[in-house]
């Protein structure tokens, strides 16, 4: 242990030390937590908007063009003619990529600092329930979601086999989604990944509420509901799509 007024004999015999338990970090813990809160909320907003946009899978085609393809064209042409081509879309992608890197770094940094501070001691007698499960598995669920993001990009954006189907065609968003989700292993993987997303996102939003300094009782009660409601809406919407395609309800 570290003390201010140390017994000289105790120091000599190695009982206690005046040295800090760990060196002062380059980035303070509060800054990393704040960064993770902000980047986590960015991802939360993104998956909500992404889910709403993908639900155009169920809208009728317009002049023979699927609604989902029109939505894809809208995203690629966003900001034109002020900005050329896919400029705005790439700005969004860069923001998401930077947020992802910062979020992953923060997760590993905070985990390492927590283990170093606790030493050989571990937290015990934690309250059970869904919240405790989410808290215990945040790093694991985060890694699963990272793998899912990579697979999703290879499948739906880049069209890289074997993640993507053989029928992948750039720009044909509707057809690509149907072809991908028609493969049962892929549909099941998407469904399971979204269940993991619910655990990670619900606990992540609640942590962000605390890390952003929201302490009012009423606001915390409201945001606790939001922390479970928004992820539930996102996950239900994301699960319905691969399931409905896999069973043949949408083609």
Protein backbone atom coordinates (compact mmCIF):
# COMPACT_ATOMS: atom_id res chain seq x y z
CA UNK A 1 0.00 0.00 0.00
CA UNK A 2 1.02 3.63 -0.46
CA UNK A 3 1.19 5.98 2.55
CA UNK A 4 2.29 9.57 3.17
CA UNK A 5 3.94 9.20 6.61
CA UNK A 6 5.78 5.94 6.23
CA UNK A 7 7.53 3.98 8.94
CA UNK A 8 11.21 3.74 7.91
CA UNK A 9 11.54 0.19 9.20
CA UNK A 10 8.40 -0.90 7.35
CA UNK A 11 9.80 0.51 4.12
CA UNK A 12 13.09 -1.30 4.59
CA UNK A 13 11.31 -4.61 5.10
CA UNK A 14 9.12 -4.05 2.05
CA UNK A 15 5.86 -3.86 3.97
CA UNK A 16 4.80 -0.54 2.49
CA UNK A 17 6.12 1.88 -0.10
CA UNK A 18 6.07 5.59 -0.76
CA UNK A 19 6.10 5.01 -4.52
CA UNK A 20 2.83 5.38 -6.46
CA UNK A 21 1.07 2.15 -7.37
CA UNK A 22 1.33 3.07 -11.06
CA UNK A 23 2.86 5.85 -13.10
CA UNK A 24 0.77 8.86 -13.99
CA UNK A 25 -0.90 7.98 -17.34
CA UNK A 26 -0.46 10.07 -20.47
CA UNK A 27 -4.20 10.53 -20.72
CA UNK A 28 -6.26 10.92 -17.53
CA UNK A 29 -8.94 8.34 -16.90
CA UNK A 30 -11.72 10.93 -16.87
CA UNK A 31 -10.74 12.04 -20.38
CA UNK A 32 -10.82 8.46 -21.68
CA UNK A 33 -14.22 7.85 -20.08
CA UNK A 34 -15.55 11.08 -21.57
CA UNK A 35 -14.21 10.08 -25.00
CA UNK A 36 -15.84 6.66 -24.74
CA UNK A 37 -19.14 8.24 -23.69
CA UNK A 38 -19.18 10.64 -26.66
CA UNK A 39 -18.04 8.05 -29.23
CA UNK A 40 -20.49 5.51 -27.80
CA UNK A 41 -23.38 7.94 -28.22
CA UNK A 42 -22.24 8.61 -31.79
CA UNK A 43 -22.46 4.88 -32.50
CA UNK A 44 -25.82 4.67 -30.74
CA UNK A 45 -27.23 7.42 -32.96
CA UNK A 46 -25.68 5.82 -36.03
CA UNK A 47 -27.16 2.36 -35.48
CA UNK A 48 -30.59 3.93 -34.88
CA UNK A 49 -30.49 5.94 -38.12
CA UNK A 50 -28.96 2.98 -39.98
CA UNK A 51 -31.78 0.70 -38.83
CA UNK A 52 -34.49 3.19 -39.84
CA UNK A 53 -32.93 3.59 -43.29
CA UNK A 54 -32.64 -0.16 -43.84
CA UNK A 55 -36.34 -0.62 -43.04
CA UNK A 56 -36.97 0.77 -46.53
CA UNK A 57 -36.51 -2.88 -47.46
CA UNK A 58 -40.27 -3.20 -46.84
CA UNK A 59 -41.31 -0.18 -48.88
CA UNK A 60 -42.61 -0.66 -52.45
CA UNK A 61 -40.43 0.08 -55.46
CA UNK A 62 -40.76 3.39 -57.29
CA UNK A 63 -40.67 3.16 -61.10
CA UNK A 64 -39.06 -0.24 -60.77
CA UNK A 65 -36.33 1.01 -58.44
CA UNK A 66 -36.38 -0.53 -54.93
CA UNK A 67 -36.80 2.01 -52.14
CA UNK A 68 -33.63 0.74 -50.49
CA UNK A 69 -31.64 1.43 -53.66
CA UNK A 70 -33.04 4.96 -53.78
CA UNK A 71 -31.95 5.41 -50.18
CA UNK A 72 -28.44 4.21 -51.09
CA UNK A 73 -28.30 6.66 -53.98
CA UNK A 74 -29.44 9.44 -51.65
CA UNK A 75 -26.60 8.69 -49.22
CA UNK A 76 -23.99 8.62 -51.97
CA UNK A 77 -25.24 11.91 -53.47
CA UNK A 78 -25.72 13.66 -50.13
CA UNK A 79 -24.36 17.22 -50.33
CA UNK A 80 -24.25 17.45 -54.11
CA UNK A 81 -23.81 19.64 -56.05
CA UNK A 82 -22.12 21.69 -53.32
CA UNK A 83 -19.70 18.84 -52.62
CA UNK A 84 -18.52 16.39 -55.26
CA UNK A 85 -19.57 12.75 -55.32
CA UNK A 86 -19.58 10.90 -51.99
CA UNK A 87 -17.77 13.63 -50.02
CA UNK A 88 -20.34 13.94 -47.21
CA UNK A 89 -20.71 10.16 -46.99
CA UNK A 90 -16.95 9.79 -46.60
CA UNK A 91 -16.93 12.46 -43.89
CA UNK A 92 -19.45 10.36 -41.97
CA UNK A 93 -17.33 7.26 -42.52
CA UNK A 94 -14.16 8.97 -41.29
CA UNK A 95 -15.94 10.26 -38.18
CA UNK A 96 -17.20 6.74 -37.46
CA UNK A 97 -13.75 5.23 -38.07
CA UNK A 98 -12.02 7.72 -35.76
CA UNK A 99 -14.73 7.15 -33.13
CA UNK A 100 -14.24 3.39 -33.43
CA UNK A 101 -10.47 3.65 -32.95
CA UNK A 102 -10.85 5.93 -29.92
CA UNK A 103 -13.56 3.74 -28.44
CA UNK A 104 -11.54 0.53 -28.79
CA UNK A 105 -8.41 2.19 -27.38
CA UNK A 106 -10.37 3.54 -24.44
CA UNK A 107 -11.90 0.14 -23.68
CA UNK A 108 -8.53 -1.61 -23.51
CA UNK A 109 -6.88 1.26 -21.63
CA UNK A 110 -9.56 1.40 -18.93
CA UNK A 111 -9.60 -2.39 -18.59
CA UNK A 112 -5.82 -2.49 -18.15
CA UNK A 113 -5.86 0.34 -15.59
CA UNK A 114 -8.64 -1.31 -13.61
CA UNK A 115 -6.79 -4.61 -13.41
CA UNK A 116 -3.55 -2.88 -12.46
CA UNK A 117 -5.24 -0.89 -9.70
CA UNK A 118 -7.03 -3.92 -8.24
CA UNK A 119 -3.94 -6.11 -8.41
CA UNK A 120 -4.71 -9.64 -7.28
CA UNK A 121 -8.08 -8.57 -5.85
CA UNK A 122 -11.26 -8.99 -7.89
CA UNK A 123 -14.76 -7.59 -7.44
CA UNK A 124 -17.09 -10.06 -5.77
CA UNK A 125 -20.71 -10.24 -4.60
CA UNK A 126 -21.92 -8.06 -7.44
CA UNK A 127 -25.68 -7.62 -7.87
CA UNK A 128 -27.00 -10.04 -10.50
CA UNK A 129 -29.40 -9.41 -13.35
CA UNK A 130 -29.17 -8.20 -16.94
CA UNK A 131 -27.26 -5.06 -15.94
CA UNK A 132 -24.58 -7.08 -14.17
CA UNK A 133 -24.27 -9.43 -17.15
CA UNK A 134 -23.85 -6.47 -19.49
CA UNK A 135 -21.25 -4.90 -17.19
CA UNK A 136 -19.22 -8.09 -16.84
CA UNK A 137 -19.16 -8.75 -20.60
CA UNK A 138 -18.63 -5.23 -22.01
CA UNK A 139 -15.16 -5.97 -23.33
CA UNK A 140 -16.18 -9.35 -24.77
CA UNK A 141 -19.35 -7.99 -26.36
CA UNK A 142 -17.34 -5.08 -27.76
CA UNK A 143 -14.89 -7.45 -29.44
CA UNK A 144 -17.77 -9.47 -30.91
CA UNK A 145 -19.31 -6.29 -32.28
CA UNK A 146 -15.95 -5.25 -33.74
CA UNK A 147 -15.76 -8.54 -35.65
CA UNK A 148 -19.36 -8.06 -36.73
CA UNK A 149 -18.62 -4.56 -38.06
CA UNK A 150 -15.72 -5.93 -40.13
CA UNK A 151 -17.92 -8.73 -41.49
CA UNK A 152 -20.76 -6.30 -42.23
CA UNK A 153 -18.49 -3.99 -44.21
CA UNK A 154 -17.06 -6.90 -46.20
CA UNK A 155 -20.55 -8.25 -46.79
CA UNK A 156 -22.70 -5.21 -47.59
CA UNK A 157 -20.23 -2.46 -48.56
CA UNK A 158 -17.17 -3.99 -50.22
CA UNK A 159 -18.67 -7.26 -51.45
CA UNK A 160 -15.65 -9.35 -50.48
CA UNK A 161 -16.20 -13.11 -50.58
CA UNK A 162 -16.84 -15.29 -48.66
CA UNK A 163 -18.49 -12.69 -46.39
CA UNK A 164 -20.53 -11.34 -49.30
CA UNK A 165 -22.72 -13.47 -51.53
CA UNK A 166 -21.67 -14.39 -55.05
CA UNK A 167 -24.50 -12.22 -56.39
CA UNK A 168 -23.12 -9.02 -54.82
CA UNK A 169 -23.35 -5.95 -57.05
CA UNK A 170 -22.17 -2.47 -56.04
CA UNK A 171 -25.09 -0.07 -55.67
CA UNK A 172 -27.76 -2.81 -55.65
CA UNK A 173 -28.48 -2.47 -51.93
CA UNK A 174 -31.84 -4.27 -51.97
CA UNK A 175 -30.61 -7.23 -54.01
CA UNK A 176 -27.41 -7.50 -51.94
CA UNK A 177 -29.39 -7.61 -48.69
CA UNK A 178 -31.74 -10.28 -50.03
CA UNK A 179 -28.84 -12.37 -51.33
CA UNK A 180 -26.89 -12.08 -48.08
CA UNK A 181 -29.75 -12.79 -45.68
CA UNK A 182 -30.96 -15.69 -47.81
CA UNK A 183 -27.98 -17.59 -46.40
CA UNK A 184 -29.16 -19.00 -43.07
CA UNK A 185 -25.71 -18.98 -41.36
CA UNK A 186 -25.32 -15.29 -42.20
CA UNK A 187 -28.86 -14.46 -41.04
CA UNK A 188 -28.29 -16.27 -37.74
CA UNK A 189 -24.96 -14.47 -37.27
CA UNK A 190 -26.65 -11.09 -37.78
CA UNK A 191 -29.40 -11.98 -35.30
CA UNK A 192 -26.96 -13.14 -32.61
CA UNK A 193 -24.73 -10.10 -33.16
CA UNK A 194 -27.71 -7.81 -32.61
CA UNK A 195 -28.58 -9.54 -29.35
CA UNK A 196 -25.01 -8.79 -28.26
CA UNK A 197 -25.53 -5.22 -29.47
CA UNK A 198 -28.48 -4.86 -27.10
CA UNK A 199 -26.37 -5.84 -24.09
CA UNK A 200 -23.47 -3.59 -25.09
CA UNK A 201 -25.51 -0.57 -26.18
CA UNK A 202 -27.92 -0.55 -23.23
CA UNK A 203 -25.15 -0.65 -20.63
CA UNK A 204 -23.00 1.72 -22.71
CA UNK A 205 -25.71 4.39 -22.82
CA UNK A 206 -26.20 4.13 -19.06
CA UNK A 207 -22.45 4.47 -18.48
CA UNK A 208 -22.39 7.49 -20.78
CA UNK A 209 -25.13 9.10 -18.67
CA UNK A 210 -22.91 8.81 -15.58
CA UNK A 211 -19.66 9.78 -17.33
CA UNK A 212 -21.26 12.91 -18.80
CA UNK A 213 -22.19 14.03 -15.28
CA UNK A 214 -25.96 13.68 -15.48
CA UNK A 215 -26.86 13.27 -11.81
CA UNK A 216 -30.41 14.60 -11.50
CA UNK A 217 -32.76 11.90 -10.23
CA UNK A 218 -35.55 12.59 -12.71
CA UNK A 219 -33.20 12.81 -15.68
CA UNK A 220 -31.45 9.60 -14.67
CA UNK A 221 -34.79 7.79 -14.42
CA UNK A 222 -35.78 9.01 -17.89
CA UNK A 223 -32.42 8.13 -19.42
CA UNK A 224 -32.46 4.69 -17.79
CA UNK A 225 -35.63 3.97 -19.76
CA UNK A 226 -34.01 5.40 -22.90
CA UNK A 227 -30.92 3.23 -22.30
CA UNK A 228 -33.07 0.10 -22.71
CA UNK A 229 -35.78 1.38 -25.05
CA UNK A 230 -33.55 2.67 -27.85
CA UNK A 231 -31.35 -0.46 -28.04
CA UNK A 232 -34.50 -2.62 -27.96
CA UNK A 233 -35.99 -0.73 -30.92
CA UNK A 234 -32.72 -0.95 -32.85
CA UNK A 235 -32.24 -4.65 -32.18
CA UNK A 236 -35.84 -5.60 -33.00
CA UNK A 237 -35.65 -3.68 -36.28
CA UNK A 238 -32.30 -5.24 -37.18
CA UNK A 239 -33.44 -8.77 -36.31
CA UNK A 240 -36.70 -8.58 -38.26
CA UNK A 241 -34.87 -7.90 -41.56
CA UNK A 242 -32.58 -10.97 -41.79
CA UNK A 243 -35.29 -13.17 -40.29
CA UNK A 244 -37.98 -12.10 -42.75
CA UNK A 245 -35.63 -12.58 -45.71
CA UNK A 246 -34.35 -15.96 -44.49
CA UNK A 247 -37.86 -17.39 -44.11
CA UNK A 248 -38.96 -16.00 -47.49
CA UNK A 249 -41.34 -13.25 -46.36
CA UNK A 250 -39.37 -10.65 -48.36
CA UNK A 251 -37.73 -11.23 -51.73
